């Protein structure tokens, strides 16, 4: 599943269509694509792993899920995979194997935009308050909680926990206050590092623990285990990441 930084890069690639009028809409998503024709794309906004194409009376929510993708100006996958295509006089955007839904302005206004890890509106104070309300939650689940860290995915989770030396099965309520603040700060810091590395096509070169077999710090074997309620894969070093 694409993580927040990848979605932000997608927004950058689609940004040239903001302010343009849709001349044709198609695709096999369960929406009335015809209602988008003739409408102007006012703005493109992202919230974590979700993208919102905002029109005057309605917006389209795009979620790439596990295997979704997109292309610009050219359809690169067969019609059976094409959920939505929006064509403009200057080109087009195409979304494949993803979730496409229509949402109204009230839905957008209810979103907690301060939870987006990459947003200028990001609120570390609000994140800390939400975390403290869930002392029995494992840190691996907390980082993947989109209500707290919108945009964080499994790569960011693993790399952040290695950076701060915390075992993924540690409980939020047992983390020292300093370590809790480190968790929040590094979730944002690493997300921006991810963004820059992804933009430069060098993300994998910078992985320290994710899908590694040997710890780069001590040389000990890296543990791979499905952790937390989400049972997502965690990679960690038992020597360099403390269990709280």
Protein backbone atom coordinates (compact mmCIF):
# COMPACT_ATOMS: atom_id res chain seq x y z
CA UNK A 1 0.00 0.00 0.00
CA UNK A 2 1.46 3.39 -0.96
CA UNK A 3 2.33 5.48 2.10
CA UNK A 4 1.71 9.17 2.64
CA UNK A 5 4.87 10.44 0.91
CA UNK A 6 4.06 8.49 -2.26
CA UNK A 7 0.55 9.94 -2.28
CA UNK A 8 1.98 13.45 -1.91
CA UNK A 9 4.20 12.80 -4.94
CA UNK A 10 1.12 11.66 -6.84
CA UNK A 11 -0.54 14.95 -5.98
CA UNK A 12 2.46 16.82 -7.36
CA UNK A 13 2.19 14.89 -10.62
CA UNK A 14 -1.54 15.65 -10.90
CA UNK A 15 -1.30 19.28 -9.86
CA UNK A 16 -1.15 20.59 -13.42
CA UNK A 17 -4.85 19.72 -13.80
CA UNK A 18 -5.99 21.91 -10.91
CA UNK A 19 -8.19 24.70 -12.27
CA UNK A 20 -8.95 22.75 -15.45
CA UNK A 21 -12.35 21.56 -16.68
CA UNK A 22 -13.12 17.85 -17.12
CA UNK A 23 -14.10 17.21 -20.75
CA UNK A 24 -14.61 13.44 -20.38
CA UNK A 25 -14.93 11.04 -17.44
CA UNK A 26 -15.04 7.24 -17.58
CA UNK A 27 -14.08 4.07 -15.73
CA UNK A 28 -15.73 1.13 -13.96
CA UNK A 29 -15.93 2.66 -10.48
CA UNK A 30 -19.39 2.54 -8.89
CA UNK A 31 -20.05 6.24 -9.36
CA UNK A 32 -21.81 8.35 -11.95
CA UNK A 33 -18.75 9.50 -13.88
CA UNK A 34 -20.93 11.59 -16.19
CA UNK A 35 -21.69 14.05 -13.41
CA UNK A 36 -18.02 15.09 -13.40
CA UNK A 37 -17.97 16.11 -17.03
CA UNK A 38 -17.97 19.86 -17.50
CA UNK A 39 -16.93 20.48 -13.89
CA UNK A 40 -13.75 22.29 -12.92
CA UNK A 41 -11.21 20.57 -10.67
CA UNK A 42 -10.82 23.26 -8.05
CA UNK A 43 -8.17 21.65 -5.86
CA UNK A 44 -6.31 18.43 -5.11
CA UNK A 45 -5.85 17.62 -1.42
CA UNK A 46 -4.24 14.68 0.30
CA UNK A 47 -4.91 13.23 3.71
CA UNK A 48 -2.47 10.47 4.57
CA UNK A 49 -3.04 7.70 2.04
CA UNK A 50 -6.11 9.33 0.50
CA UNK A 51 -6.42 11.82 -2.33
CA UNK A 52 -9.35 14.18 -2.80
CA UNK A 53 -10.21 15.69 -6.17
CA UNK A 54 -12.32 18.65 -5.15
CA UNK A 55 -15.06 20.06 -7.37
CA UNK A 56 -17.66 22.71 -6.48
CA UNK A 57 -20.44 20.50 -5.09
CA UNK A 58 -18.81 17.11 -4.76
CA UNK A 59 -15.35 15.58 -4.36
CA UNK A 60 -13.83 12.30 -5.47
CA UNK A 61 -11.90 10.30 -2.90
CA UNK A 62 -9.16 8.08 -4.33
CA UNK A 63 -7.60 5.38 -2.14
CA UNK A 64 -5.01 3.21 -3.87
CA UNK A 65 -5.44 0.41 -1.29
CA UNK A 66 -2.86 -2.41 -1.57
CA UNK A 67 -2.36 -2.66 -5.33
CA UNK A 68 -3.71 0.57 -6.80
CA UNK A 69 -1.77 2.80 -9.17
CA UNK A 70 -2.19 5.78 -11.45
CA UNK A 71 -0.80 7.30 -14.63
CA UNK A 72 -0.76 10.75 -16.18
CA UNK A 73 -1.64 11.63 -19.78
CA UNK A 74 -1.68 8.02 -20.97
CA UNK A 75 -3.70 4.94 -20.01
CA UNK A 76 -1.13 2.30 -19.14
CA UNK A 77 -3.37 -0.54 -17.95
CA UNK A 78 -6.37 -2.35 -19.48
CA UNK A 79 -9.94 -1.11 -19.15
CA UNK A 80 -10.80 -3.85 -16.63
CA UNK A 81 -8.38 -2.22 -14.18
CA UNK A 82 -9.43 1.35 -14.93
CA UNK A 83 -11.55 2.68 -12.08
CA UNK A 84 -11.57 6.31 -13.14
CA UNK A 85 -10.22 8.40 -16.00
CA UNK A 86 -10.59 12.17 -16.09
CA UNK A 87 -9.64 13.84 -19.34
CA UNK A 88 -8.84 17.53 -19.75
CA UNK A 89 -7.85 19.52 -22.83
CA UNK A 90 -4.25 19.37 -21.56
CA UNK A 91 -4.11 15.63 -20.80
CA UNK A 92 -5.62 13.23 -18.32
CA UNK A 93 -5.35 11.29 -15.07
CA UNK A 94 -6.00 7.56 -14.77
CA UNK A 95 -6.55 5.48 -11.62
CA UNK A 96 -6.37 1.69 -11.51
CA UNK A 97 -7.42 -1.08 -9.08
CA UNK A 98 -8.33 1.39 -6.35
CA UNK A 99 -11.27 2.68 -4.34
CA UNK A 100 -13.17 5.59 -5.90
CA UNK A 101 -15.97 7.26 -3.95
CA UNK A 102 -17.90 10.51 -4.07
CA UNK A 103 -17.97 12.59 -0.89
CA UNK A 104 -19.73 15.83 -0.02
CA UNK A 105 -18.33 19.01 1.57
CA UNK A 106 -19.56 17.92 5.01
CA UNK A 107 -17.39 14.80 4.79
CA UNK A 108 -14.33 16.90 4.02
CA UNK A 109 -15.02 19.29 6.87
CA UNK A 110 -15.16 16.39 9.33
CA UNK A 111 -11.62 15.22 8.51
CA UNK A 112 -9.00 15.88 11.18
CA UNK A 113 -6.44 17.44 8.85
CA UNK A 114 -4.08 17.94 11.80
CA UNK A 115 -3.51 14.18 11.86
CA UNK A 116 -1.77 14.18 8.46
CA UNK A 117 1.89 13.48 9.19
CA UNK A 118 3.09 15.51 6.18
CA UNK A 119 0.69 18.42 6.45
CA UNK A 120 1.60 21.95 7.47
CA UNK A 121 -1.36 21.57 9.84
CA UNK A 122 0.17 18.54 11.59
CA UNK A 123 -0.30 18.75 15.37
CA UNK A 124 2.20 16.76 17.47
CA UNK A 125 0.34 17.87 20.59
CA UNK A 126 -2.89 16.30 19.35
CA UNK A 127 -1.02 13.11 18.41
CA UNK A 128 0.45 12.90 21.91
CA UNK A 129 -2.98 13.36 23.47
CA UNK A 130 -4.43 10.56 21.31
CA UNK A 131 -1.55 8.25 22.17
CA UNK A 132 -1.85 8.83 25.91
CA UNK A 133 -5.52 7.86 25.67
CA UNK A 134 -4.44 4.38 24.49
CA UNK A 135 -1.80 3.21 26.99
CA UNK A 136 -2.34 -0.50 26.24
CA UNK A 137 -1.77 -0.09 22.50
CA UNK A 138 1.45 -1.48 21.03
CA UNK A 139 3.64 1.11 19.33
CA UNK A 140 3.50 -0.89 16.09
CA UNK A 141 -0.28 -0.48 16.04
CA UNK A 142 -0.13 3.15 17.15
CA UNK A 143 2.09 4.20 14.27
CA UNK A 144 -0.25 2.49 11.81
CA UNK A 145 -3.35 4.12 13.32
CA UNK A 146 -4.47 6.54 10.61
CA UNK A 147 -6.46 8.59 13.13
CA UNK A 148 -3.18 9.42 14.87
CA UNK A 149 -0.52 9.22 12.16
CA UNK A 150 -2.35 9.59 8.86
CA UNK A 151 -0.01 8.56 6.07
CA UNK A 152 2.28 6.26 8.04
CA UNK A 153 2.63 2.78 6.58
CA UNK A 154 4.68 -0.30 7.30
CA UNK A 155 7.97 1.00 5.95
CA UNK A 156 7.79 4.19 8.01
CA UNK A 157 6.68 2.21 11.07
CA UNK A 158 9.67 -0.11 10.97
CA UNK A 159 12.25 2.55 10.21
CA UNK A 160 10.97 4.96 12.87
CA UNK A 161 11.05 2.30 15.59
CA UNK A 162 14.60 1.36 14.62
CA UNK A 163 15.68 5.01 14.64
CA UNK A 164 14.43 5.55 18.18
CA UNK A 165 15.47 2.11 19.47
CA UNK A 166 12.01 0.88 20.45
CA UNK A 167 10.72 -2.70 20.13
CA UNK A 168 7.49 -2.82 18.05
CA UNK A 169 5.60 -4.69 20.79
CA UNK A 170 6.29 -2.01 23.41
CA UNK A 171 3.18 -0.50 25.00
CA UNK A 172 2.46 3.20 24.59
CA UNK A 173 1.76 3.60 28.31
CA UNK A 174 5.17 2.19 29.25
CA UNK A 175 7.22 4.49 27.05
CA UNK A 176 9.14 7.18 28.95
CA UNK A 177 7.85 10.68 28.21
CA UNK A 178 11.00 11.51 26.24
CA UNK A 179 10.66 8.37 24.13
CA UNK A 180 7.02 9.12 23.37
CA UNK A 181 7.98 12.54 22.04
CA UNK A 182 10.75 10.92 19.98
CA UNK A 183 8.19 8.56 18.47
CA UNK A 184 6.00 11.47 17.39
CA UNK A 185 8.87 13.61 16.10
CA UNK A 186 10.55 10.83 14.14
CA UNK A 187 7.29 9.72 12.54
CA UNK A 188 7.19 13.13 10.86
CA UNK A 189 10.95 13.43 10.28
CA UNK A 190 11.23 10.05 8.61
CA UNK A 191 8.15 10.73 6.49
CA UNK A 192 9.86 13.76 4.98
CA UNK A 193 13.09 11.77 4.48
CA UNK A 194 10.98 9.10 2.75
CA UNK A 195 9.49 11.81 0.52
CA UNK A 196 12.87 13.13 -0.60
CA UNK A 197 14.38 9.67 -1.12
CA UNK A 198 11.31 8.54 -3.06
CA UNK A 199 11.48 11.64 -5.24
CA UNK A 200 15.14 10.83 -5.98
CA UNK A 201 14.37 7.10 -6.57
CA UNK A 202 16.76 6.04 -3.78
CA UNK A 203 14.32 5.04 -1.01
CA UNK A 204 15.37 1.38 -0.72
CA UNK A 205 19.03 2.34 -0.46
CA UNK A 206 18.25 4.11 2.80
CA UNK A 207 16.34 1.30 4.51
CA UNK A 208 18.08 0.44 7.77
CA UNK A 209 15.90 -2.37 9.11
CA UNK A 210 12.96 -2.94 6.76
CA UNK A 211 13.45 -6.29 4.97
CA UNK A 212 17.01 -6.49 6.30
CA UNK A 213 18.54 -9.70 7.67
CA UNK A 214 21.40 -8.21 9.70
CA UNK A 215 21.25 -5.21 12.05
CA UNK A 216 23.47 -2.42 10.68
CA UNK A 217 24.39 -1.35 14.23
CA UNK A 218 25.38 -4.56 16.02
CA UNK A 219 25.43 -7.19 13.28
CA UNK A 220 22.86 -9.34 15.06
CA UNK A 221 20.20 -11.20 13.09
CA UNK A 222 17.08 -9.11 12.41
CA UNK A 223 13.83 -10.59 13.69
CA UNK A 224 10.84 -10.67 11.35
CA UNK A 225 7.47 -11.11 13.06
CA UNK A 226 3.83 -10.21 12.49
CA UNK A 227 3.07 -7.94 15.43
CA UNK A 228 0.15 -6.13 17.02
CA UNK A 229 -3.54 -6.36 16.34
CA UNK A 230 -2.92 -5.58 12.70
CA UNK A 231 -0.51 -8.52 12.34
CA UNK A 232 1.68 -6.49 9.98
CA UNK A 233 5.27 -7.52 9.46
CA UNK A 234 7.80 -5.97 11.80
CA UNK A 235 11.57 -6.10 11.38
CA UNK A 236 13.58 -5.34 14.50
CA UNK A 237 16.79 -5.97 16.42
CA UNK A 238 16.29 -7.42 19.90
CA UNK A 239 19.58 -5.89 21.06
CA UNK A 240 19.17 -2.35 19.77
CA UNK A 241 15.41 -1.93 20.17
CA UNK A 242 14.22 -1.97 23.77
CA UNK A 243 10.96 -3.58 24.83
CA UNK A 244 9.01 -1.29 27.16
